Amino acid sequence: MGLLMTTVARPAAASATTSADRNQPRSAAPAQPAGLPSVHMRALLTWIAVFSALTVVQLVVGPYVKGFPMLLRTLVITGIVVPAVVYTLVPNLLKVRAAVLRRRH
């Protein structure tokens, strides 16, 4: 049984380069799009979100899971904290950061 291989022709415009393109220096890494925070800023915002969420969840849920075994207690707490951080806190912190940066300019 043989494999059927097909090729797709590239459009001429996509592969054509001009002399100006060839004279441009190439960087090793693609430029980061404007507005995206650095990895350090994302780490800081994530830490702020995780610290805040863990503190609140420990205060609110902690008394109810006090007698649970440690692994079950960790499972319950992280089951609340991780979705809150990923879907709510970090995106909102990024929006706040963007608003502050827009206001500065």
N, C-alpha and C. Protein backbone atom coordinates (compact mmCIF):
# COMPACT_ATOMS: atom_id res chain seq x y z
N MET A 1 0.84 -1.16 0.00
CA MET A 1 0.00 0.00 0.00
C MET A 1 0.89 1.23 0.00
N GLY A 2 0.73 2.10 -0.94
CA GLY A 2 1.58 3.30 -1.04
C GLY A 2 0.89 4.51 -0.44
N LEU A 3 1.68 5.47 -0.07
CA LEU A 3 1.14 6.71 0.45
C LEU A 3 0.90 7.68 -0.69
N LEU A 4 -0.21 8.34 -0.65
CA LEU A 4 -0.54 9.33 -1.65
C LEU A 4 -0.07 10.68 -1.15
N MET A 5 0.82 11.30 -1.87
CA MET A 5 1.35 12.60 -1.45
C MET A 5 0.96 13.63 -2.48
N THR A 6 0.50 14.76 -2.02
CA THR A 6 0.14 15.83 -2.92
C THR A 6 0.94 17.06 -2.54
N THR A 7 1.12 17.92 -3.50
CA THR A 7 1.81 19.18 -3.24
C THR A 7 0.87 20.31 -3.53
N VAL A 8 1.06 21.38 -2.84
CA VAL A 8 0.23 22.56 -3.04
C VAL A 8 1.15 23.66 -3.54
N ALA A 9 0.78 24.28 -4.64
CA ALA A 9 1.58 25.36 -5.19
C ALA A 9 1.37 26.62 -4.36
N ARG A 10 2.46 27.30 -4.09
CA ARG A 10 2.37 28.56 -3.36
C ARG A 10 2.04 29.68 -4.33
N PRO A 11 1.25 30.63 -3.87
CA PRO A 11 0.97 31.78 -4.74
C PRO A 11 2.26 32.54 -5.00
N ALA A 12 2.38 33.12 -6.18
CA ALA A 12 3.59 33.84 -6.56
C ALA A 12 3.85 35.01 -5.63
N ALA A 13 2.81 35.69 -5.18
CA ALA A 13 2.99 36.86 -4.31
C ALA A 13 3.58 36.49 -2.96
N ALA A 14 3.26 35.29 -2.47
CA ALA A 14 3.74 34.90 -1.16
C ALA A 14 5.23 34.58 -1.17
N SER A 15 5.75 34.08 -2.29
CA SER A 15 7.15 33.70 -2.31
C SER A 15 8.04 34.76 -2.94
N ALA A 16 7.46 35.76 -3.55
CA ALA A 16 8.27 36.79 -4.19
C ALA A 16 8.86 37.73 -3.15
N THR A 17 10.13 38.04 -3.31
CA THR A 17 10.78 39.00 -2.42
C THR A 17 11.37 40.11 -3.27
N THR A 18 11.40 41.27 -2.70
CA THR A 18 11.98 42.41 -3.40
C THR A 18 13.40 42.61 -2.92
N SER A 19 14.14 43.44 -3.64
CA SER A 19 15.51 43.70 -3.22
C SER A 19 15.54 44.40 -1.88
N ALA A 20 14.52 45.19 -1.56
CA ALA A 20 14.46 45.86 -0.25
C ALA A 20 14.29 44.83 0.86
N ASP A 21 13.50 43.77 0.60
CA ASP A 21 13.32 42.71 1.61
C ASP A 21 14.62 41.98 1.88
N ARG A 22 15.39 41.72 0.80
CA ARG A 22 16.64 40.98 0.96
C ARG A 22 17.69 41.79 1.70
N ASN A 23 17.61 43.10 1.65
CA ASN A 23 18.61 43.95 2.30
C ASN A 23 18.30 44.21 3.77
N GLN A 24 17.12 43.80 4.22
CA GLN A 24 16.74 44.02 5.62
C GLN A 24 17.45 43.01 6.50
N PRO A 25 17.98 43.46 7.65
CA PRO A 25 18.61 42.49 8.56
C PRO A 25 17.55 41.59 9.17
N ARG A 26 17.92 40.35 9.38
CA ARG A 26 17.00 39.39 9.99
C ARG A 26 17.36 39.24 11.46
N SER A 27 16.37 39.28 12.30
CA SER A 27 16.61 39.08 13.73
C SER A 27 16.40 37.60 14.06
N ALA A 28 17.03 37.17 15.14
CA ALA A 28 16.93 35.77 15.55
C ALA A 28 15.54 35.45 16.06
N ALA A 29 14.92 36.40 16.74
CA ALA A 29 13.59 36.18 17.31
C ALA A 29 12.62 37.20 16.72
N PRO A 30 11.38 36.79 16.48
CA PRO A 30 10.42 37.75 15.96
C PRO A 30 10.13 38.83 16.99
N ALA A 31 9.84 40.01 16.51
CA ALA A 31 9.55 41.13 17.42
C ALA A 31 8.25 40.85 18.17
N GLN A 32 8.22 41.28 19.42
CA GLN A 32 7.03 41.09 20.24
C GLN A 32 6.00 42.15 19.84
N PRO A 33 4.76 41.74 19.58
CA PRO A 33 3.74 42.72 19.20
C PRO A 33 3.58 43.78 20.28
N ALA A 34 3.30 44.99 19.83
CA ALA A 34 3.14 46.10 20.77
C ALA A 34 1.97 45.82 21.71
N GLY A 35 2.13 46.17 22.95
CA GLY A 35 1.07 46.01 23.92
C GLY A 35 1.14 44.75 24.75
N LEU A 36 1.86 43.73 24.29
CA LEU A 36 1.99 42.52 25.08
C LEU A 36 3.02 42.74 26.18
N PRO A 37 2.67 42.37 27.40
CA PRO A 37 3.63 42.55 28.49
C PRO A 37 4.78 41.56 28.38
N SER A 38 5.90 41.93 28.95
CA SER A 38 7.05 41.04 28.96
C SER A 38 6.74 39.82 29.83
N VAL A 39 7.58 38.82 29.72
CA VAL A 39 7.38 37.61 30.53
C VAL A 39 7.49 37.96 32.02
N HIS A 40 8.32 38.93 32.34
CA HIS A 40 8.47 39.32 33.74
C HIS A 40 7.21 40.01 34.27
N MET A 41 6.60 40.85 33.44
CA MET A 41 5.36 41.51 33.84
C MET A 41 4.23 40.49 33.97
N ARG A 42 4.17 39.53 33.06
CA ARG A 42 3.15 38.48 33.16
C ARG A 42 3.35 37.64 34.42
N ALA A 43 4.61 37.37 34.75
CA ALA A 43 4.90 36.61 35.98
C ALA A 43 4.45 37.39 37.20
N LEU A 44 4.72 38.69 37.22
CA LEU A 44 4.30 39.52 38.35
C LEU A 44 2.79 39.57 38.47
N LEU A 45 2.10 39.78 37.36
CA LEU A 45 0.63 39.82 37.39
C LEU A 45 0.05 38.47 37.82
N THR A 46 0.64 37.39 37.35
CA THR A 46 0.18 36.06 37.75
C THR A 46 0.40 35.84 39.24
N TRP A 47 1.56 36.27 39.74
CA TRP A 47 1.85 36.11 41.17
C TRP A 47 0.84 36.92 42.00
N ILE A 48 0.55 38.13 41.60
CA ILE A 48 -0.43 38.96 42.31
C ILE A 48 -1.78 38.26 42.34
N ALA A 49 -2.20 37.72 41.19
CA ALA A 49 -3.49 37.03 41.11
C ALA A 49 -3.51 35.78 41.97
N VAL A 50 -2.46 34.96 41.90
CA VAL A 50 -2.42 33.72 42.68
C VAL A 50 -2.37 34.02 44.17
N PHE A 51 -1.53 34.95 44.59
CA PHE A 51 -1.43 35.30 46.01
C PHE A 51 -2.77 35.78 46.55
N SER A 52 -3.41 36.68 45.81
CA SER A 52 -4.72 37.22 46.23
C SER A 52 -5.77 36.13 46.32
N ALA A 53 -5.84 35.30 45.28
CA ALA A 53 -6.86 34.24 45.26
C ALA A 53 -6.62 33.22 46.37
N LEU A 54 -5.37 32.83 46.57
CA LEU A 54 -5.08 31.86 47.64
C LEU A 54 -5.43 32.42 49.01
N THR A 55 -5.13 33.69 49.22
CA THR A 55 -5.44 34.31 50.52
C THR A 55 -6.94 34.31 50.77
N VAL A 56 -7.70 34.75 49.78
CA VAL A 56 -9.16 34.82 49.94
C VAL A 56 -9.76 33.42 50.11
N VAL A 57 -9.32 32.48 49.29
CA VAL A 57 -9.88 31.12 49.37
C VAL A 57 -9.51 30.48 50.71
N GLN A 58 -8.30 30.68 51.18
CA GLN A 58 -7.92 30.13 52.49
C GLN A 58 -8.80 30.71 53.60
N LEU A 59 -9.08 32.00 53.53
CA LEU A 59 -9.92 32.62 54.56
C LEU A 59 -11.37 32.13 54.49
N VAL A 60 -11.89 31.97 53.28
CA VAL A 60 -13.30 31.61 53.11
C VAL A 60 -13.53 30.10 53.22
N VAL A 61 -12.72 29.32 52.51
CA VAL A 61 -12.94 27.88 52.43
C VAL A 61 -12.13 27.12 53.48
N GLY A 62 -11.05 27.71 53.94
CA GLY A 62 -10.15 27.05 54.88
C GLY A 62 -10.82 26.39 56.07
N PRO A 63 -11.72 27.09 56.76
CA PRO A 63 -12.37 26.46 57.91
C PRO A 63 -13.19 25.22 57.55
N TYR A 64 -13.73 25.17 56.33
CA TYR A 64 -14.55 24.03 55.93
C TYR A 64 -13.72 22.80 55.54
N VAL A 65 -12.49 23.03 55.11
CA VAL A 65 -11.65 21.90 54.68
C VAL A 65 -10.52 21.63 55.67
N LYS A 66 -10.63 22.22 56.84
CA LYS A 66 -9.58 22.10 57.87
C LYS A 66 -9.29 20.64 58.24
N GLY A 67 -10.31 19.83 58.35
CA GLY A 67 -10.13 18.44 58.78
C GLY A 67 -9.82 17.48 57.64
N PHE A 68 -9.80 17.97 56.39
CA PHE A 68 -9.52 17.11 55.24
C PHE A 68 -8.04 16.72 55.24
N PRO A 69 -7.73 15.57 54.66
CA PRO A 69 -6.31 15.24 54.45
C PRO A 69 -5.67 16.31 53.56
N MET A 70 -4.36 16.52 53.71
CA MET A 70 -3.68 17.60 53.02
C MET A 70 -3.87 17.56 51.51
N LEU A 71 -3.77 16.39 50.89
CA LEU A 71 -3.92 16.31 49.43
C LEU A 71 -5.34 16.69 48.99
N LEU A 72 -6.34 16.27 49.72
CA LEU A 72 -7.72 16.63 49.38
C LEU A 72 -7.95 18.12 49.59
N ARG A 73 -7.41 18.66 50.66
CA ARG A 73 -7.51 20.09 50.94
C ARG A 73 -6.86 20.89 49.79
N THR A 74 -5.68 20.45 49.34
CA THR A 74 -4.99 21.12 48.24
C THR A 74 -5.78 21.00 46.95
N LEU A 75 -6.37 19.83 46.71
CA LEU A 75 -7.19 19.63 45.52
C LEU A 75 -8.38 20.59 45.50
N VAL A 76 -9.06 20.73 46.61
CA VAL A 76 -10.23 21.62 46.69
C VAL A 76 -9.81 23.07 46.47
N ILE A 77 -8.76 23.48 47.15
CA ILE A 77 -8.34 24.88 47.07
C ILE A 77 -7.83 25.21 45.68
N THR A 78 -6.99 24.35 45.10
CA THR A 78 -6.50 24.63 43.75
C THR A 78 -7.60 24.51 42.70
N GLY A 79 -8.59 23.68 42.97
CA GLY A 79 -9.74 23.57 42.06
C GLY A 79 -10.55 24.85 42.00
N ILE A 80 -10.47 25.66 43.04
CA ILE A 80 -11.14 26.96 43.05
C ILE A 80 -10.20 28.05 42.52
N VAL A 81 -8.95 28.02 42.98
CA VAL A 81 -8.02 29.11 42.68
C VAL A 81 -7.59 29.12 41.21
N VAL A 82 -7.23 27.97 40.65
CA VAL A 82 -6.68 27.96 39.29
C VAL A 82 -7.67 28.49 38.26
N PRO A 83 -8.91 28.03 38.22
CA PRO A 83 -9.84 28.62 37.25
C PRO A 83 -10.09 30.12 37.49
N ALA A 84 -10.16 30.51 38.76
CA ALA A 84 -10.37 31.93 39.06
C ALA A 84 -9.21 32.77 38.53
N VAL A 85 -8.00 32.29 38.71
CA VAL A 85 -6.82 33.03 38.25
C VAL A 85 -6.76 33.05 36.73
N VAL A 86 -6.93 31.90 36.10
CA VAL A 86 -6.75 31.79 34.65
C VAL A 86 -7.84 32.51 33.88
N TYR A 87 -9.09 32.35 34.30
CA TYR A 87 -10.20 32.88 33.53
C TYR A 87 -10.68 34.26 33.96
N THR A 88 -10.34 34.69 35.16
CA THR A 88 -10.87 35.96 35.64
C THR A 88 -9.78 36.95 36.05
N LEU A 89 -8.95 36.56 36.99
CA LEU A 89 -8.03 37.53 37.59
C LEU A 89 -6.94 38.00 36.63
N VAL A 90 -6.22 37.10 36.01
CA VAL A 90 -5.13 37.51 35.11
C VAL A 90 -5.67 38.29 33.91
N PRO A 91 -6.72 37.84 33.23
CA PRO A 91 -7.24 38.66 32.12
C PRO A 91 -7.66 40.07 32.57
N ASN A 92 -8.28 40.17 33.74
CA ASN A 92 -8.67 41.50 34.22
C ASN A 92 -7.47 42.34 34.61
N LEU A 93 -6.45 41.72 35.19
CA LEU A 93 -5.22 42.48 35.49
C LEU A 93 -4.55 42.97 34.21
N LEU A 94 -4.58 42.16 33.17
CA LEU A 94 -4.02 42.59 31.88
C LEU A 94 -4.81 43.76 31.30
N LYS A 95 -6.15 43.74 31.46
CA LYS A 95 -6.98 44.85 30.99
C LYS A 95 -6.68 46.12 31.78
N VAL A 96 -6.53 45.99 33.08
CA VAL A 96 -6.20 47.15 33.91
C VAL A 96 -4.84 47.72 33.51
N ARG A 97 -3.87 46.84 33.29
CA ARG A 97 -2.54 47.28 32.86
C ARG A 97 -2.63 48.04 31.54
N ALA A 98 -3.39 47.51 30.59
CA ALA A 98 -3.54 48.16 29.28
C ALA A 98 -4.20 49.52 29.43
N ALA A 99 -5.21 49.62 30.30
CA ALA A 99 -5.89 50.90 30.51
C ALA A 99 -4.94 51.92 31.13
N VAL A 100 -4.12 51.48 32.07
CA VAL A 100 -3.16 52.39 32.70
C VAL A 100 -2.14 52.87 31.67
N LEU A 101 -1.67 51.97 30.83
CA LEU A 101 -0.70 52.35 29.80
C LEU A 101 -1.31 53.30 28.77
N ARG A 102 -2.58 53.06 28.40
CA ARG A 102 -3.26 53.98 27.47
C ARG A 102 -3.42 55.36 28.07
N ARG A 103 -3.73 55.41 29.36
CA ARG A 103 -3.94 56.68 30.04
C ARG A 103 -2.64 57.48 30.13
N ARG A 104 -1.51 56.78 30.23
CA ARG A 104 -0.20 57.44 30.30
C ARG A 104 0.15 58.16 29.01
N HIS A 105 -0.28 57.59 27.89
CA HIS A 105 0.13 58.14 26.59
C HIS A 105 -0.85 59.13 26.09
